[in-house]
Amino acid sequence: MLEIGRHRARREPSRRAIAHDAERARGALADLDRSARRGTAIDCHRIVIRAGIAALEGRSGDAIGLYRDAMRRWRAAGLIWDEALCAIDMATVLGPAEPEVGAVVDGAREILVRLGATPFVTRLDDLLAGGTDRPASASPRVPTATPR
């Protein structure tokens, strides 16, 4: 169990507790940044939290890029479980109607099936079928151009 300030999660401070609330996500990110924790996994958690914040603020293009970066890093580190959970985060915050989400969740589903993570496969399938894991305030996002 990782505890970051008042945010607790099993190795992933970006998960459900803060996935629906940009302020809580900012708080978790600030706590993580202040902590002495360092390393690849912590860096990936920071990226996932930033991606969630971007998505909740309507910056879908930024969010997609950040989620893809985090998933690439998880995969490179051999942490496919975290890669799959990141895809669930992405689908939760951006919504299944987002074209980029479909490509990512297919790979995540394969990982979860291979790992025998049946409850997570069910959760992902429910989410894709329009389940209730999405934030109440979130609507499907349209990718936006980011100023360069």
C-alpha atoms as a PDB file:
ATOM      1  CA  MET A   1       0.000   0.000   0.000  1.00  0.00           C
ATOM      2  CA  LEU A   2       1.397   3.342  -1.022  1.00  0.00           C
ATOM      3  CA  GLU A   3       0.337   6.340   0.984  1.00  0.00           C
ATOM      4  CA  ILE A   4       0.808   9.795  -0.436  1.00  0.00           C
ATOM      5  CA  GLY A   5      -0.403  12.441   1.938  1.00  0.00           C
ATOM      6  CA  ARG A   6      -4.068  11.768   2.438  1.00  0.00           C
ATOM      7  CA  HIS A   7      -4.355   9.736  -0.807  1.00  0.00           C
ATOM      8  CA  ARG A   8      -3.944   5.979  -0.452  1.00  0.00           C
ATOM      9  CA  ALA A   9      -3.897   3.377  -3.172  1.00  0.00           C
ATOM     10  CA  ARG A  10      -2.315   0.075  -4.031  1.00  0.00           C
ATOM     11  CA  ARG A  11       0.797   1.274  -5.851  1.00  0.00           C
ATOM     12  CA  GLU A  12      -1.239   3.631  -8.036  1.00  0.00           C
ATOM     13  CA  PRO A  13      -2.159   6.999  -6.562  1.00  0.00           C
ATOM     14  CA  SER A  14      -3.872   7.924  -9.826  1.00  0.00           C
ATOM     15  CA  ARG A  15      -6.635   5.353  -9.502  1.00  0.00           C
ATOM     16  CA  ARG A  16     -10.335   5.575  -8.760  1.00  0.00           C
ATOM     17  CA  ALA A  17     -10.154   7.807  -5.694  1.00  0.00           C
ATOM     18  CA  ILE A  18      -8.865  10.733  -7.740  1.00  0.00           C
ATOM     19  CA  ALA A  19      -9.806   9.727 -11.298  1.00  0.00           C
ATOM     20  CA  HIS A  20     -13.031  11.725 -11.183  1.00  0.00           C
ATOM     21  CA  ASP A  21     -11.829  14.853  -9.428  1.00  0.00           C
ATOM     22  CA  ALA A  22      -9.176  17.183 -10.856  1.00  0.00           C
ATOM     23  CA  GLU A  23      -8.599  18.897  -7.492  1.00  0.00           C
ATOM     24  CA  ARG A  24      -7.948  15.596  -5.721  1.00  0.00           C
ATOM     25  CA  ALA A  25      -5.672  14.599  -8.597  1.00  0.00           C
ATOM     26  CA  ARG A  26      -3.724  17.856  -8.257  1.00  0.00           C
ATOM     27  CA  GLY A  27      -3.418  17.207  -4.535  1.00  0.00           C
ATOM     28  CA  ALA A  28      -2.143  13.680  -5.100  1.00  0.00           C
ATOM     29  CA  LEU A  29       0.349  14.961  -7.670  1.00  0.00           C
ATOM     30  CA  ALA A  30       1.592  17.657  -5.287  1.00  0.00           C
ATOM     31  CA  ASP A  31       1.942  15.084  -2.499  1.00  0.00           C
ATOM     32  CA  LEU A  32       3.823  12.756  -4.815  1.00  0.00           C
ATOM     33  CA  ASP A  33       6.111  15.562  -5.993  1.00  0.00           C
ATOM     34  CA  ARG A  34       6.896  16.479  -2.355  1.00  0.00           C
ATOM     35  CA  SER A  35       7.625  12.891  -1.398  1.00  0.00           C
ATOM     36  CA  ALA A  36      11.080  11.369  -1.384  1.00  0.00           C
ATOM     37  CA  ARG A  37       9.877   8.560  -3.651  1.00  0.00           C
ATOM     38  CA  ARG A  38      11.752   8.263  -6.934  1.00  0.00           C
ATOM     39  CA  GLY A  39      12.012   5.772  -9.760  1.00  0.00           C
ATOM     40  CA  THR A  40      10.410   4.610 -12.973  1.00  0.00           C
ATOM     41  CA  ALA A  41       7.107   3.561 -11.429  1.00  0.00           C
ATOM     42  CA  ILE A  42       6.712   6.814  -9.500  1.00  0.00           C
ATOM     43  CA  ASP A  43       7.530   8.793 -12.655  1.00  0.00           C
ATOM     44  CA  CYS A  44       4.851   6.839 -14.507  1.00  0.00           C
ATOM     45  CA  HIS A  45       2.318   7.527 -11.758  1.00  0.00           C
ATOM     46  CA  ARG A  46       3.051  11.238 -12.098  1.00  0.00           C
ATOM     47  CA  ILE A  47       2.452  11.047 -15.851  1.00  0.00           C
ATOM     48  CA  VAL A  48      -0.832   9.166 -15.381  1.00  0.00           C
ATOM     49  CA  ILE A  49      -2.063  11.731 -12.856  1.00  0.00           C
ATOM     50  CA  ARG A  50      -1.120  14.575 -15.213  1.00  0.00           C
ATOM     51  CA  ALA A  51      -2.957  12.778 -18.030  1.00  0.00           C
ATOM     52  CA  GLY A  52      -6.079  12.462 -15.896  1.00  0.00           C
ATOM     53  CA  ILE A  53      -5.943  16.138 -14.982  1.00  0.00           C
ATOM     54  CA  ALA A  54      -5.555  17.091 -18.648  1.00  0.00           C
ATOM     55  CA  ALA A  55      -8.545  14.916 -19.587  1.00  0.00           C
ATOM     56  CA  LEU A  56     -10.713  16.322 -16.808  1.00  0.00           C
ATOM     57  CA  GLU A  57      -9.809  19.843 -17.945  1.00  0.00           C
ATOM     58  CA  GLY A  58     -10.909  18.995 -21.506  1.00  0.00           C
ATOM     59  CA  ARG A  59      -7.391  18.811 -22.956  1.00  0.00           C
ATOM     60  CA  SER A  60      -7.887  15.440 -24.631  1.00  0.00           C
ATOM     61  CA  GLY A  61      -4.935  15.762 -26.986  1.00  0.00           C
ATOM     62  CA  ASP A  62      -2.564  16.347 -24.076  1.00  0.00           C
ATOM     63  CA  ALA A  63      -4.169  13.541 -22.069  1.00  0.00           C
ATOM     64  CA  ILE A  64      -3.833  11.011 -24.882  1.00  0.00           C
ATOM     65  CA  GLY A  65      -0.169  11.837 -25.367  1.00  0.00           C
ATOM     66  CA  LEU A  66       0.527  11.540 -21.640  1.00  0.00           C
ATOM     67  CA  TYR A  67      -1.373   8.260 -21.278  1.00  0.00           C
ATOM     68  CA  ARG A  68       0.477   6.793 -24.268  1.00  0.00           C
ATOM     69  CA  ASP A  69       3.814   7.912 -22.788  1.00  0.00           C
ATOM     70  CA  ALA A  70       2.985   6.309 -19.434  1.00  0.00           C
ATOM     71  CA  MET A  71       1.882   3.047 -21.068  1.00  0.00           C
ATOM     72  CA  ARG A  72       5.057   2.939 -23.172  1.00  0.00           C
ATOM     73  CA  ARG A  73       7.131   3.409 -20.017  1.00  0.00           C
ATOM     74  CA  TRP A  74       5.187   0.754 -18.075  1.00  0.00           C
ATOM     75  CA  ARG A  75       5.711  -1.696 -20.940  1.00  0.00           C
ATOM     76  CA  ALA A  76       9.425  -0.864 -21.233  1.00  0.00           C
ATOM     77  CA  ALA A  77       9.816  -1.520 -17.508  1.00  0.00           C
ATOM     78  CA  GLY A  78       8.045  -4.873 -17.857  1.00  0.00           C
ATOM     79  CA  LEU A  79       5.122  -3.659 -15.733  1.00  0.00           C
ATOM     80  CA  ILE A  80       2.257  -4.835 -17.928  1.00  0.00           C
ATOM     81  CA  TRP A  81      -0.214  -4.881 -15.033  1.00  0.00           C
ATOM     82  CA  ASP A  82       0.313  -1.156 -14.562  1.00  0.00           C
ATOM     83  CA  GLU A  83       0.111  -0.653 -18.319  1.00  0.00           C
ATOM     84  CA  ALA A  84      -3.330  -2.293 -18.324  1.00  0.00           C
ATOM     85  CA  LEU A  85      -4.494  -0.244 -15.317  1.00  0.00           C
ATOM     86  CA  CYS A  86      -3.333   2.914 -17.075  1.00  0.00           C
ATOM     87  CA  ALA A  87      -5.520   1.975 -20.056  1.00  0.00           C
ATOM     88  CA  ILE A  88      -8.489   1.574 -17.699  1.00  0.00           C
ATOM     89  CA  ASP A  89      -7.748   5.046 -16.307  1.00  0.00           C
ATOM     90  CA  MET A  90      -7.623   6.394 -19.843  1.00  0.00           C
ATOM     91  CA  ALA A  91     -10.954   4.796 -20.774  1.00  0.00           C
ATOM     92  CA  THR A  92     -12.522   5.971 -17.514  1.00  0.00           C
ATOM     93  CA  VAL A  93     -11.592   9.607 -17.930  1.00  0.00           C
ATOM     94  CA  LEU A  94     -11.703  10.040 -21.716  1.00  0.00           C
ATOM     95  CA  GLY A  95     -14.560   7.624 -22.394  1.00  0.00           C
ATOM     96  CA  PRO A  96     -14.917   4.712 -24.770  1.00  0.00           C
ATOM     97  CA  ALA A  97     -16.137   6.941 -27.623  1.00  0.00           C
ATOM     98  CA  GLU A  98     -12.657   8.472 -27.923  1.00  0.00           C
ATOM     99  CA  PRO A  99     -11.032   6.731 -30.958  1.00  0.00           C
ATOM    100  CA  GLU A 100      -7.617   6.483 -29.285  1.00  0.00           C
ATOM    101  CA  VAL A 101      -9.166   4.667 -26.329  1.00  0.00           C
ATOM    102  CA  GLY A 102     -10.399   1.749 -28.431  1.00  0.00           C
ATOM    103  CA  ALA A 103      -6.931   0.870 -29.680  1.00  0.00           C
ATOM    104  CA  VAL A 104      -5.462   1.046 -26.185  1.00  0.00           C
ATOM    105  CA  VAL A 105      -8.128  -0.915 -24.331  1.00  0.00           C
ATOM    106  CA  ASP A 106      -7.923  -3.840 -26.737  1.00  0.00           C
ATOM    107  CA  GLY A 107      -4.311  -4.356 -25.693  1.00  0.00           C
ATOM    108  CA  ALA A 108      -5.163  -3.839 -22.032  1.00  0.00           C
ATOM    109  CA  ARG A 109      -7.936  -6.409 -22.224  1.00  0.00           C
ATOM    110  CA  GLU A 110      -5.514  -8.950 -23.694  1.00  0.00           C
ATOM    111  CA  ILE A 111      -3.098  -8.320 -20.816  1.00  0.00           C
ATOM    112  CA  LEU A 112      -5.837  -8.668 -18.205  1.00  0.00           C
ATOM    113  CA  VAL A 113      -7.135 -11.910 -19.760  1.00  0.00           C
ATOM    114  CA  ARG A 114      -3.601 -13.320 -19.922  1.00  0.00           C
ATOM    115  CA  LEU A 115      -3.082 -12.445 -16.240  1.00  0.00           C
ATOM    116  CA  GLY A 116      -6.418 -13.975 -15.242  1.00  0.00           C
ATOM    117  CA  ALA A 117      -7.648 -10.659 -13.860  1.00  0.00           C
ATOM    118  CA  THR A 118     -11.311 -11.460 -14.436  1.00  0.00           C
ATOM    119  CA  PRO A 119     -12.763  -8.683 -12.225  1.00  0.00           C
ATOM    120  CA  PHE A 120     -10.723  -6.120 -14.156  1.00  0.00           C
ATOM    121  CA  VAL A 121     -11.788  -7.582 -17.506  1.00  0.00           C
ATOM    122  CA  THR A 122     -15.387  -7.270 -16.330  1.00  0.00           C
ATOM    123  CA  ARG A 123     -14.792  -3.701 -15.161  1.00  0.00           C
ATOM    124  CA  LEU A 124     -13.244  -2.783 -18.507  1.00  0.00           C
ATOM    125  CA  ASP A 125     -16.058  -4.459 -20.455  1.00  0.00           C
ATOM    126  CA  ASP A 126     -18.676  -2.651 -18.348  1.00  0.00           C
ATOM    127  CA  LEU A 127     -16.899   0.642 -18.918  1.00  0.00           C
ATOM    128  CA  LEU A 128     -16.776   0.071 -22.672  1.00  0.00           C
ATOM    129  CA  ALA A 129     -20.460  -0.838 -22.667  1.00  0.00           C
ATOM    130  CA  GLY A 130     -21.271   2.515 -21.076  1.00  0.00           C
ATOM    131  CA  GLY A 131     -21.005   1.477 -17.428  1.00  0.00           C
ATOM    132  CA  THR A 132     -20.897   3.880 -14.528  1.00  0.00           C
ATOM    133  CA  ASP A 133     -17.157   4.171 -13.925  1.00  0.00           C
ATOM    134  CA  ARG A 134     -16.932   7.492 -15.779  1.00  0.00           C
ATOM    135  CA  PRO A 135     -17.030  10.739 -13.865  1.00  0.00           C
ATOM    136  CA  ALA A 136     -20.544  12.153 -13.681  1.00  0.00           C
ATOM    137  CA  SER A 137     -19.292  15.519 -14.900  1.00  0.00           C
ATOM    138  CA  ALA A 138     -17.322  14.074 -17.789  1.00  0.00           C
ATOM    139  CA  SER A 139     -18.703  13.817 -21.257  1.00  0.00           C
ATOM    140  CA  PRO A 140     -16.965  12.148 -24.162  1.00  0.00           C
ATOM    141  CA  ARG A 141     -14.149  14.441 -25.180  1.00  0.00           C
ATOM    142  CA  VAL A 142     -13.275  15.558 -28.668  1.00  0.00           C
ATOM    143  CA  PRO A 143      -9.519  15.640 -29.290  1.00  0.00           C
ATOM    144  CA  THR A 144      -8.263  19.199 -29.162  1.00  0.00           C
ATOM    145  CA  ALA A 145      -5.223  20.693 -30.778  1.00  0.00           C
ATOM    146  CA  THR A 146      -2.569  21.741 -28.355  1.00  0.00           C
ATOM    147  CA  PRO A 147      -0.743  25.017 -28.953  1.00  0.00           C
ATOM    148  CA  ARG A 148       2.906  24.514 -29.687  1.00  0.00           C
END
